[in-house]
Amino acid sequence: MQHSDLDSKRIAVLLSGGVDSSVVVYEFARLGLHPDCFYIKIGPEEEEAWDCSSEEDLEMATAVAHKYGCNLEVIDCHREYWEQVTRYTMEKVRAGFTPNPDVMCNRLIKFGAFDEKRGHDYDLIATGHYAQTEIDEAGLKWLVTSPDPVKDQTDFLAQIYDWQLRKAIFPIGHYMKDEVRQIAEREHLVNAKRKDSQGICFLGKINYNDYVRRYLGENPGDVIEFETGRRIGEHKGLWFHTIGQRKGMGFSGGPWFVIKKDVPHNILYVSHGYNPASAYKTSFPIHDLHWLTQAPFRRSPHVPSALGPTPITFKIRHTPEYIPGTLEQTSEDTFVIHSTTPIHGVAPGQFCVLYDQSHHRCYGSAEITI
């Protein structure tokens, strides 16, 4: 991050109260810059509904902004979050899919609703994500991975729009998490030792199952052993389970693994082990492929199905590992992922995030459609 590149830019920092975004403010301050800071307020749908740490978050954000001589403004995106992100999540869950509210929160709220309210006045929007960007020879901006494989958050950013990426800047993306903590302690930041939030984006301590139960309630149904057809118990709702799940099942005779969900009949199928035929996949279709910058290949407008497999790496969940494979276009708007190794827990509704072979550039993402 060079001062000369930023001096003429209008910069907004999304300051959450956590250590990562606080070090972002420090990174600008050490260059002599004092960007405007914004705290996005979401909170629980009803104040008395859940324990919420948003008051403490705002206190921390206020202290950091004050320390570095920056203005802090609170932006209320409460209605947008509950109308857009929650609606997306519940529609997917009800249909038996495995959505990712954090992915859509970046597109719809941090780089979406905020831009509509205040971000449009700024050239750059800085966040504390562990991600980086680079400009290629043609002047195109690409999302690229962080050196910290555990903390890398490019998968959470893989659904943002190209115009949002062009405005995004990630000042701590080149650091390891430990380095960010060290900077915070050296600078005596008020939240230097604060734990990272583990809940859903913006919702702090709210448990995901409680979040779902609030909107969809419970819908009990049979739990069937996949191989034998034997009923082994009752589930409280298919939406509380994900394909590949092996913890928190609570049925005797385990361990059990979730193999599939029969949504029309409200049946949860489980198995004692990973039957390769049913629990592992080496190929799966994806749809609504969203390219962050541009497709990594040239498609033929005349014979779209003629495109050969393109080598890639990919992720289907937030893990440090990247899976090698190929991307094949089967028609104008449908694609198939071929994995070099069998993978478990492939579930419809999950995002498959695509990277180059060296998992440096993040190409974009698509929804799995099994």
Protein backbone atom coordinates (compact mmCIF):
# COMPACT_ATOMS: atom_id res chain seq x y z
CA MET A 1 0.00 0.00 0.00
CA GLN A 2 1.74 3.15 -1.25
CA HIS A 3 0.95 6.67 -0.02
CA SER A 4 1.32 8.08 -3.56
CA ASP A 5 -1.39 5.75 -4.85
CA LEU A 6 -3.84 6.79 -2.14
CA ASP A 7 -3.18 10.49 -1.60
CA SER A 8 -5.81 11.68 -4.04
CA LYS A 9 -8.37 9.00 -3.22
CA ARG A 10 -11.43 9.37 -1.04
CA ILE A 11 -11.22 6.36 1.31
CA ALA A 12 -13.89 4.81 3.55
CA VAL A 13 -12.94 2.19 6.16
CA LEU A 14 -15.54 -0.28 7.41
CA LEU A 15 -14.63 -0.45 11.10
CA SER A 16 -16.27 -3.34 12.95
CA GLY A 17 -14.72 -3.15 16.40
CA GLY A 18 -12.57 -6.21 15.74
CA VAL A 19 -8.78 -6.24 15.63
CA ASP A 20 -8.48 -6.72 11.85
CA SER A 21 -10.34 -3.59 10.74
CA SER A 22 -8.67 -1.62 13.55
CA VAL A 23 -5.23 -2.45 12.15
CA VAL A 24 -6.54 -1.27 8.76
CA VAL A 25 -6.97 2.22 10.27
CA TYR A 26 -3.43 2.02 11.66
CA GLU A 27 -2.08 1.06 8.23
CA PHE A 28 -3.52 4.27 6.76
CA ALA A 29 -2.45 6.38 9.76
CA ARG A 30 1.17 5.33 9.42
CA LEU A 31 1.07 6.75 5.89
CA GLY A 32 -0.27 10.01 7.26
CA LEU A 33 -3.81 9.34 6.03
CA HIS A 34 -6.98 9.75 8.07
CA PRO A 35 -9.81 8.06 6.19
CA ASP A 36 -13.45 8.34 7.19
CA CYS A 37 -14.56 5.33 9.23
CA PHE A 38 -17.99 3.73 9.20
CA TYR A 39 -19.57 1.28 11.62
CA ILE A 40 -22.34 -0.74 9.97
CA LYS A 41 -25.12 -1.35 12.47
CA ILE A 42 -27.15 -4.53 12.13
CA GLY A 43 -27.82 -6.15 15.49
CA PRO A 44 -30.62 -8.63 16.24
CA GLU A 45 -33.96 -8.18 14.54
CA GLU A 46 -35.50 -7.23 17.88
CA GLU A 47 -33.22 -5.79 20.56
CA GLU A 48 -34.47 -8.07 23.34
CA ALA A 49 -34.35 -11.22 21.21
CA TRP A 50 -30.70 -12.20 21.53
CA ASP A 51 -27.56 -11.35 23.43
CA CYS A 52 -25.68 -8.99 21.15
CA SER A 53 -22.18 -7.55 21.34
CA SER A 54 -22.88 -4.61 19.01
CA GLU A 55 -22.66 -2.03 21.82
CA GLU A 56 -19.16 -3.21 22.71
CA ASP A 57 -18.24 -3.32 19.00
CA LEU A 58 -19.22 0.32 18.58
CA GLU A 59 -17.26 1.36 21.69
CA MET A 60 -14.14 -0.36 20.30
CA ALA A 61 -14.60 1.17 16.84
CA THR A 62 -15.10 4.63 18.37
CA ALA A 63 -11.90 4.30 20.44
CA VAL A 64 -9.82 3.25 17.42
CA ALA A 65 -11.18 6.00 15.16
CA HIS A 66 -10.47 8.57 17.90
CA LYS A 67 -6.93 7.25 18.45
CA TYR A 68 -6.02 7.92 14.82
CA GLY A 69 -7.95 11.15 14.36
CA CYS A 70 -10.61 9.73 12.04
CA ASN A 71 -14.28 10.55 11.86
CA LEU A 72 -16.65 7.67 12.66
CA GLU A 73 -20.19 7.49 11.36
CA VAL A 74 -22.76 4.80 12.21
CA ILE A 75 -24.61 3.48 9.16
CA ASP A 76 -27.84 1.61 9.86
CA CYS A 77 -28.19 -1.36 7.49
CA HIS A 78 -30.54 -3.22 9.84
CA ARG A 79 -33.52 -3.39 7.49
CA GLU A 80 -31.42 -4.32 4.45
CA TYR A 81 -29.74 -7.19 6.32
CA TRP A 82 -32.94 -8.76 7.56
CA GLU A 83 -34.77 -8.24 4.28
CA GLN A 84 -32.00 -9.33 1.90
CA VAL A 85 -29.53 -11.66 3.63
CA THR A 86 -32.07 -13.36 5.89
CA ARG A 87 -34.56 -13.82 3.04
CA TYR A 88 -31.85 -15.39 0.85
CA THR A 89 -30.75 -17.70 3.69
CA MET A 90 -34.22 -18.90 4.67
CA GLU A 91 -35.41 -19.46 1.10
CA LYS A 92 -32.36 -21.65 0.45
CA VAL A 93 -32.62 -23.52 3.75
CA ARG A 94 -36.33 -24.22 3.29
CA ALA A 95 -35.59 -25.71 -0.14
CA GLY A 96 -33.05 -28.11 1.40
CA PHE A 97 -29.94 -26.21 0.29
CA THR A 98 -26.84 -25.22 2.27
CA PRO A 99 -26.51 -21.43 1.89
CA ASN A 100 -23.72 -19.17 3.11
CA PRO A 101 -25.10 -15.94 4.61
CA ASP A 102 -21.60 -14.49 5.11
CA VAL A 103 -20.88 -14.67 1.38
CA MET A 104 -24.05 -12.80 0.52
CA CYS A 105 -23.51 -10.33 3.35
CA ASN A 106 -20.37 -9.05 1.61
CA ARG A 107 -22.20 -8.60 -1.69
CA LEU A 108 -25.47 -7.22 -0.32
CA ILE A 109 -24.41 -5.26 2.77
CA LYS A 110 -20.71 -4.39 3.17
CA PHE A 111 -20.20 -3.58 -0.50
CA GLY A 112 -23.88 -3.22 -1.39
CA ALA A 113 -26.26 -1.40 0.99
CA PHE A 114 -23.35 0.58 2.44
CA ASP A 115 -22.37 1.80 -1.02
CA GLU A 116 -25.93 2.94 -1.68
CA LYS A 117 -26.07 4.90 1.59
CA ARG A 118 -22.55 6.37 1.86
CA GLY A 119 -19.95 4.38 -0.04
CA HIS A 120 -20.83 5.96 -3.39
CA ASP A 121 -19.12 9.14 -2.14
CA TYR A 122 -15.77 7.32 -1.92
CA ASP A 123 -13.23 5.97 -4.41
CA LEU A 124 -12.12 3.06 -2.21
CA ILE A 125 -13.79 0.98 0.48
CA ALA A 126 -11.30 -0.65 2.87
CA THR A 127 -12.11 -3.68 5.00
CA GLY A 128 -10.22 -6.01 7.32
CA HIS A 129 -10.57 -9.05 5.07
CA TYR A 130 -7.63 -11.40 4.62
CA ALA A 131 -7.45 -11.01 0.85
CA GLN A 132 -5.43 -9.05 -1.69
CA THR A 133 -5.86 -7.53 -5.13
CA GLU A 134 -3.57 -7.10 -8.11
CA ILE A 135 -3.73 -5.28 -11.44
CA ASP A 136 -2.71 -7.21 -14.58
CA GLU A 137 -1.03 -5.90 -17.74
CA ALA A 138 -4.41 -5.06 -19.24
CA GLY A 139 -5.35 -2.94 -16.22
CA LEU A 140 -7.86 -5.48 -14.86
CA LYS A 141 -8.17 -5.85 -11.08
CA TRP A 142 -8.14 -9.39 -9.67
CA LEU A 143 -8.94 -10.77 -6.24
CA VAL A 144 -5.95 -12.79 -4.97
CA THR A 145 -5.39 -14.92 -1.90
CA SER A 146 -3.80 -13.98 1.40
CA PRO A 147 -0.54 -15.66 2.51
CA ASP A 148 -2.36 -16.95 5.61
CA PRO A 149 -4.13 -20.11 4.35
CA VAL A 150 -6.19 -20.52 7.52
CA LYS A 151 -7.48 -16.94 7.57
CA ASP A 152 -7.76 -16.32 3.81
CA GLN A 153 -11.24 -14.92 3.10
CA THR A 154 -11.32 -14.78 -0.67
CA ASP A 155 -14.02 -17.48 -0.60
CA PHE A 156 -16.29 -15.08 1.34
CA LEU A 157 -15.67 -12.37 -1.28
CA ALA A 158 -16.20 -14.55 -4.34
CA GLN A 159 -19.76 -13.31 -5.00
CA ILE A 160 -19.11 -9.56 -4.97
CA TYR A 161 -19.72 -7.68 -8.22
CA ASP A 162 -16.92 -6.46 -10.47
CA TRP A 163 -17.68 -2.81 -9.63
CA GLN A 164 -17.47 -3.66 -5.93
CA LEU A 165 -14.09 -5.33 -6.41
CA ARG A 166 -12.79 -2.28 -8.28
CA LYS A 167 -13.54 -0.14 -5.21
CA ALA A 168 -12.30 -2.67 -2.62
CA ILE A 169 -8.96 -2.41 -0.81
CA PHE A 170 -7.67 -4.89 1.77
CA PRO A 171 -4.78 -3.22 3.65
CA ILE A 172 -3.98 -6.15 5.97
CA GLY A 173 -4.38 -8.88 3.33
CA HIS A 174 -0.62 -9.38 3.00
CA TYR A 175 -0.21 -10.17 6.71
CA MET A 176 -0.52 -13.37 8.69
CA LYS A 177 -3.06 -13.20 11.53
CA ASP A 178 -0.27 -13.36 14.13
CA GLU A 179 1.35 -10.30 12.55
CA VAL A 180 -1.91 -8.35 12.80
CA ARG A 181 -2.19 -9.25 16.49
CA GLN A 182 1.43 -8.15 17.06
CA ILE A 183 0.78 -4.77 15.40
CA ALA A 184 -2.36 -4.29 17.51
CA GLU A 185 -0.47 -5.06 20.73
CA ARG A 186 2.47 -2.87 19.77
CA GLU A 187 0.06 -0.01 19.01
CA HIS A 188 -1.87 -0.63 22.26
CA LEU A 189 -5.15 -0.99 20.40
CA VAL A 190 -8.07 -1.45 22.77
CA ASN A 191 -9.10 -4.71 21.08
CA ALA A 192 -5.62 -6.21 20.59
CA LYS A 193 -6.47 -9.34 22.58
CA ARG A 194 -10.13 -9.54 21.58
CA LYS A 195 -11.20 -12.92 20.19
CA ASP A 196 -12.36 -13.19 16.58
CA SER A 197 -16.13 -13.43 16.17
CA GLN A 198 -17.31 -16.93 15.33
CA GLY A 199 -20.99 -16.37 14.56
CA ILE A 200 -22.81 -15.31 11.43
CA CYS A 201 -21.59 -12.09 9.84
CA PHE A 202 -22.80 -9.16 11.99
CA LEU A 203 -24.79 -11.36 14.35
CA GLY A 204 -22.04 -12.10 16.84
CA LYS A 205 -23.06 -14.72 19.37
CA ILE A 206 -26.23 -15.83 17.63
CA ASN A 207 -26.25 -19.58 16.99
CA TYR A 208 -27.01 -20.52 13.38
CA ASN A 209 -29.61 -23.14 14.33
CA ASP A 210 -31.36 -20.63 16.59
CA TYR A 211 -31.34 -18.15 13.71
CA VAL A 212 -32.97 -20.72 11.40
CA ARG A 213 -35.42 -21.95 14.06
CA ARG A 214 -36.66 -18.41 14.61
CA TYR A 215 -37.87 -18.18 11.00
CA LEU A 216 -38.67 -21.73 10.01
CA GLY A 217 -39.50 -23.37 13.33
CA GLU A 218 -39.21 -27.15 13.54
CA ASN A 219 -40.50 -29.77 11.12
CA PRO A 220 -39.90 -33.28 12.55
CA GLY A 221 -39.35 -36.21 10.22
CA ASP A 222 -37.79 -39.66 9.98
CA VAL A 223 -34.08 -40.40 10.10
CA ILE A 224 -33.34 -43.45 7.94
CA GLU A 225 -30.17 -45.54 7.67
CA PHE A 226 -29.23 -45.19 4.02
CA GLU A 227 -28.02 -48.75 3.44
CA THR A 228 -30.78 -50.66 5.25
CA GLY A 229 -33.85 -48.40 5.19
CA ARG A 230 -34.10 -48.83 8.96
CA ARG A 231 -35.62 -45.93 10.92
CA ILE A 232 -33.18 -44.88 13.63
CA GLY A 233 -34.85 -41.77 14.99
CA GLU A 234 -36.44 -38.41 14.31
CA HIS A 235 -34.94 -35.12 13.18
CA LYS A 236 -36.35 -31.70 14.16
CA GLY A 237 -36.04 -30.25 10.68
CA LEU A 238 -33.92 -30.98 7.61
CA TRP A 239 -32.64 -27.40 7.74
CA PHE A 240 -30.67 -28.15 10.91
CA HIS A 241 -28.48 -30.65 9.04
CA THR A 242 -25.92 -30.43 6.24
CA ILE A 243 -24.61 -33.07 3.85
CA GLY A 244 -21.46 -34.62 5.33
CA GLN A 245 -22.35 -33.58 8.90
CA ARG A 246 -21.01 -35.94 11.52
CA LYS A 247 -21.33 -34.01 14.78
CA GLY A 248 -24.30 -33.12 16.94
CA MET A 249 -26.56 -35.82 15.54
CA GLY A 250 -27.61 -37.25 18.89
CA PHE A 251 -28.70 -40.68 17.63
CA SER A 252 -27.64 -43.90 19.36
CA GLY A 253 -25.43 -46.45 17.63
CA GLY A 254 -23.26 -43.79 15.96
CA PRO A 255 -21.18 -42.17 14.72
CA TRP A 256 -23.61 -41.23 11.94
CA PHE A 257 -22.94 -39.16 8.83
CA VAL A 258 -25.57 -37.24 6.88
CA ILE A 259 -25.69 -38.72 3.37
CA LYS A 260 -28.66 -36.97 1.75
CA LYS A 261 -31.89 -35.10 2.38
CA ASP A 262 -35.21 -36.04 0.78
CA VAL A 263 -36.97 -32.67 0.99
CA PRO A 264 -40.38 -33.67 -0.49
CA HIS A 265 -40.73 -36.56 2.00
CA ASN A 266 -38.89 -34.80 4.86
CA ILE A 267 -36.48 -37.73 5.35
CA LEU A 268 -32.88 -37.45 6.55
CA TYR A 269 -30.63 -40.28 5.33
CA VAL A 270 -27.58 -41.18 7.43
CA SER A 271 -24.85 -43.77 7.23
CA HIS A 272 -22.26 -45.27 9.59
CA GLY A 273 -19.42 -44.52 7.25
CA TYR A 274 -18.50 -42.93 3.99
CA ASN A 275 -19.86 -45.21 1.33
CA PRO A 276 -17.85 -43.96 -1.68
CA ALA A 277 -20.81 -44.44 -4.00
CA SER A 278 -23.12 -42.20 -2.00
CA ALA A 279 -21.00 -39.84 0.14
CA TYR A 280 -18.12 -39.02 -2.18
CA LYS A 281 -18.25 -37.19 -5.47
CA THR A 282 -15.67 -36.58 -8.16
CA SER A 283 -17.91 -34.49 -10.43
CA PHE A 284 -20.81 -32.14 -9.75
CA PRO A 285 -22.72 -29.46 -11.69
CA ILE A 286 -22.70 -25.77 -10.81
CA HIS A 287 -24.91 -22.92 -12.01
CA ASP A 288 -25.02 -19.10 -11.99
CA LEU A 289 -21.26 -18.95 -12.44
CA HIS A 290 -20.19 -15.51 -11.24
CA TRP A 291 -16.86 -14.26 -12.57
CA LEU A 292 -15.21 -11.60 -10.40
CA THR A 293 -13.12 -10.06 -13.18
CA GLN A 294 -13.49 -12.16 -16.31
CA ALA A 295 -13.63 -15.80 -17.36
CA PRO A 296 -10.17 -17.44 -17.41
CA PHE A 297 -10.81 -18.72 -20.94
CA ARG A 298 -12.36 -17.58 -24.17
CA ARG A 299 -15.76 -19.08 -24.90
CA SER A 300 -16.88 -19.71 -28.44
CA PRO A 301 -20.18 -17.92 -29.10
CA HIS A 302 -20.89 -20.38 -31.92
CA VAL A 303 -20.04 -23.70 -30.26
CA PRO A 304 -20.16 -23.12 -26.49
CA SER A 305 -20.08 -26.82 -25.71
CA ALA A 306 -16.77 -27.17 -27.54
CA LEU A 307 -14.81 -25.63 -24.69
CA GLY A 308 -12.40 -28.14 -23.22
CA PRO A 309 -11.77 -28.66 -19.49
CA THR A 310 -9.86 -25.80 -17.84
CA PRO A 311 -7.44 -26.69 -15.00
CA ILE A 312 -8.40 -24.98 -11.72
CA THR A 313 -8.32 -25.39 -7.96
CA PHE A 314 -11.47 -24.94 -5.89
CA LYS A 315 -13.10 -24.98 -2.46
CA ILE A 316 -16.63 -25.99 -1.43
CA ARG A 317 -16.27 -24.87 2.20
CA HIS A 318 -14.09 -22.54 4.25
CA THR A 319 -10.94 -24.62 4.76
CA PRO A 320 -7.21 -23.96 4.20
CA GLU A 321 -7.05 -26.63 1.47
CA TYR A 322 -7.59 -26.09 -2.25
CA ILE A 323 -8.74 -29.07 -4.33
CA PRO A 324 -7.22 -29.55 -7.82
CA GLY A 325 -9.65 -30.21 -10.65
CA THR A 326 -11.01 -29.00 -13.96
CA LEU A 327 -13.90 -26.79 -15.01
CA GLU A 328 -15.87 -28.01 -18.00
CA GLN A 329 -18.51 -26.02 -19.85
CA THR A 330 -21.34 -28.31 -20.93
CA SER A 331 -23.66 -25.71 -22.47
CA GLU A 332 -23.87 -21.95 -22.76
CA ASP A 333 -24.66 -21.45 -19.07
CA THR A 334 -23.95 -24.78 -17.37
CA PHE A 335 -20.65 -26.05 -16.03
CA VAL A 336 -19.33 -29.16 -14.28
CA ILE A 337 -16.50 -29.39 -11.76
CA HIS A 338 -14.30 -32.50 -12.02
CA SER A 339 -12.20 -33.15 -8.92
CA THR A 340 -8.92 -35.06 -9.07
CA THR A 341 -9.81 -36.68 -5.73
CA PRO A 342 -13.17 -37.84 -4.34
CA ILE A 343 -14.60 -35.25 -1.95
CA HIS A 344 -17.32 -35.62 0.68
CA GLY A 345 -20.03 -33.25 1.82
CA VAL A 346 -20.88 -31.79 -1.59
CA ALA A 347 -24.27 -30.18 -0.99
CA PRO A 348 -26.65 -28.24 -3.23
CA GLY A 349 -26.70 -24.55 -2.38
CA GLN A 350 -23.07 -24.44 -1.29
CA PHE A 351 -20.78 -22.09 -3.15
CA CYS A 352 -17.97 -23.64 -5.13
CA VAL A 353 -15.18 -21.05 -5.26
CA LEU A 354 -12.82 -21.22 -8.24
CA TYR A 355 -9.10 -20.37 -8.28
CA ASP A 356 -6.23 -20.70 -10.72
CA GLN A 357 -3.98 -23.77 -10.53
CA SER A 358 -1.64 -22.14 -8.01
CA HIS A 359 -4.68 -20.89 -5.97
CA HIS A 360 -3.41 -17.34 -6.32
CA ARG A 361 -6.18 -15.62 -8.27
CA CYS A 362 -9.79 -16.14 -7.23
CA TYR A 363 -11.81 -16.36 -10.45
CA GLY A 364 -15.27 -16.31 -8.85
CA SER A 365 -17.87 -18.77 -7.62
CA ALA A 366 -21.04 -20.66 -8.46
CA GLU A 367 -23.76 -22.51 -6.65
CA ILE A 368 -23.64 -26.31 -6.52
CA THR A 369 -26.78 -27.84 -8.01
CA ILE A 370 -26.59 -31.62 -7.56
